[in-house]
């Protein structure tokens, strides 16, 4: 069986317009007129759903990892937007990691992998 590619993710939200605008401002991704936001080849769509609460009940179930070139600069930009940090940017074995909360209560991480980690991963 051929491996399938992850092409898109659907975020159900009670307020998809707010979430869409927040992700555009927070992460400055590619944006197309069809409602999708492109995060490095994975497209995300925010959709109104009447079967979800305004805030997620289990925010740690799925955590979206956004790999960035400069975690501290990204964190400063996010601070300017008034985000709530679950874990502020910190150094870990593989690089810099920070975990924050989007307006629906979902967790996402910004990650800047170290050159040492990337070199080891390539071996």
Protein backbone atom coordinates (compact mmCIF):
# COMPACT_ATOMS: atom_id res chain seq x y z
CA UNK A 1 0.00 0.00 0.00
CA UNK A 2 1.29 3.44 -0.90
CA UNK A 3 1.73 5.85 2.00
CA UNK A 4 -0.81 8.66 1.95
CA UNK A 5 0.22 12.28 2.37
CA UNK A 6 -1.35 14.57 4.96
CA UNK A 7 -2.86 17.26 2.78
CA UNK A 8 -5.00 19.27 5.16
CA UNK A 9 -6.40 19.57 8.66
CA UNK A 10 -9.88 20.75 9.52
CA UNK A 11 -10.26 22.73 12.75
CA UNK A 12 -13.84 22.72 14.00
CA UNK A 13 -14.60 25.92 15.88
CA UNK A 14 -17.52 27.83 17.32
CA UNK A 15 -15.84 30.97 15.91
CA UNK A 16 -13.79 30.01 12.85
CA UNK A 17 -13.34 33.58 11.59
CA UNK A 18 -11.66 34.57 14.86
CA UNK A 19 -9.40 31.51 14.79
CA UNK A 20 -8.51 32.04 11.11
CA UNK A 21 -7.58 35.68 11.74
CA UNK A 22 -5.55 34.74 14.83
CA UNK A 23 -3.43 32.15 13.00
CA UNK A 24 -2.79 34.61 10.17
CA UNK A 25 -1.62 37.26 12.63
CA UNK A 26 0.27 34.87 14.92
CA UNK A 27 2.24 32.80 12.41
CA UNK A 28 2.04 34.83 9.18
CA UNK A 29 1.56 31.80 6.90
CA UNK A 30 0.67 31.59 3.21
CA UNK A 31 -3.00 32.38 2.72
CA UNK A 32 -5.22 31.59 -0.23
CA UNK A 33 -8.65 32.88 -1.17
CA UNK A 34 -10.31 29.49 -0.67
CA UNK A 35 -10.19 29.79 3.13
CA UNK A 36 -7.21 27.48 3.58
CA UNK A 37 -4.00 28.57 5.27
CA UNK A 38 -0.83 26.81 4.12
CA UNK A 39 1.70 25.82 6.75
CA UNK A 40 4.62 24.45 4.75
CA UNK A 41 2.53 22.18 2.56
CA UNK A 42 -0.13 21.21 5.11
CA UNK A 43 -3.25 23.23 4.57
CA UNK A 44 -5.54 24.17 7.47
CA UNK A 45 -9.20 25.11 7.25
CA UNK A 46 -11.25 26.55 10.12
CA UNK A 47 -14.90 25.55 9.91
CA UNK A 48 -17.99 26.49 11.90
CA UNK A 49 -19.26 23.48 13.82
CA UNK A 50 -22.27 23.25 16.09
CA UNK A 51 -20.95 20.06 17.71
CA UNK A 52 -17.95 21.74 19.40
CA UNK A 53 -17.77 23.97 22.46
CA UNK A 54 -16.24 27.46 22.30
CA UNK A 55 -13.13 26.05 24.03
CA UNK A 56 -11.60 22.61 23.64
CA UNK A 57 -12.12 20.20 26.53
CA UNK A 58 -8.82 18.32 26.09
CA UNK A 59 -6.24 20.75 24.71
CA UNK A 60 -3.33 18.35 25.17
CA UNK A 61 -4.84 15.63 22.98
CA UNK A 62 -3.43 17.16 19.78
CA UNK A 63 -0.61 19.70 19.85
CA UNK A 64 0.36 21.45 16.64
CA UNK A 65 4.11 21.89 16.26
CA UNK A 66 5.25 24.83 14.17
CA UNK A 67 8.93 24.72 13.26
CA UNK A 68 10.38 28.22 13.12
CA UNK A 69 13.79 29.64 12.24
CA UNK A 70 13.99 31.91 15.29
CA UNK A 71 11.92 30.85 18.30
CA UNK A 72 12.77 33.91 20.37
CA UNK A 73 11.77 36.35 17.61
CA UNK A 74 8.57 34.38 17.01
CA UNK A 75 7.83 34.45 20.75
CA UNK A 76 8.36 38.22 20.83
CA UNK A 77 5.92 38.61 17.94
CA UNK A 78 3.39 36.39 19.74
CA UNK A 79 3.88 38.36 22.97
CA UNK A 80 2.90 41.47 21.02
CA UNK A 81 -0.39 39.76 20.23
CA UNK A 82 -0.96 39.03 23.92
CA UNK A 83 -0.83 35.23 23.71
CA UNK A 84 -1.07 32.98 26.73
CA UNK A 85 1.99 30.79 27.23
CA UNK A 86 1.61 27.38 28.78
CA UNK A 87 5.42 27.03 28.72
CA UNK A 88 7.52 30.00 27.66
CA UNK A 89 10.33 29.37 25.18
CA UNK A 90 12.96 27.22 26.85
CA UNK A 91 16.03 25.30 25.83
CA UNK A 92 15.63 21.55 25.67
CA UNK A 93 17.95 18.86 24.39
CA UNK A 94 16.73 19.20 20.78
CA UNK A 95 16.50 23.00 20.68
CA UNK A 96 14.12 25.77 21.75
CA UNK A 97 10.48 24.98 22.52
CA UNK A 98 7.53 27.08 23.67
CA UNK A 99 3.91 26.03 24.15
CA UNK A 100 1.04 28.49 23.84
CA UNK A 101 -2.74 28.50 23.66
CA UNK A 102 -4.84 29.66 20.69
CA UNK A 103 -8.20 31.48 21.15
CA UNK A 104 -10.11 28.16 21.17
CA UNK A 105 -7.84 26.73 23.86
CA UNK A 106 -5.84 24.46 21.54
CA UNK A 107 -2.17 23.98 22.36
CA UNK A 108 0.53 24.71 19.82
CA UNK A 109 4.28 24.71 20.07
CA UNK A 110 6.90 26.76 18.36
CA UNK A 111 10.08 24.77 17.87
CA UNK A 112 13.53 25.81 16.74
CA UNK A 113 15.57 22.64 16.38
CA UNK A 114 19.28 22.97 17.09
CA UNK A 115 21.86 22.42 14.37
CA UNK A 116 23.30 19.57 16.45
CA UNK A 117 19.93 17.83 16.61
CA UNK A 118 19.33 18.26 12.88
CA UNK A 119 22.81 16.93 12.04
CA UNK A 120 22.27 13.88 14.26
CA UNK A 121 18.84 13.27 12.72
CA UNK A 122 20.35 13.26 9.22
CA UNK A 123 22.82 10.48 10.16
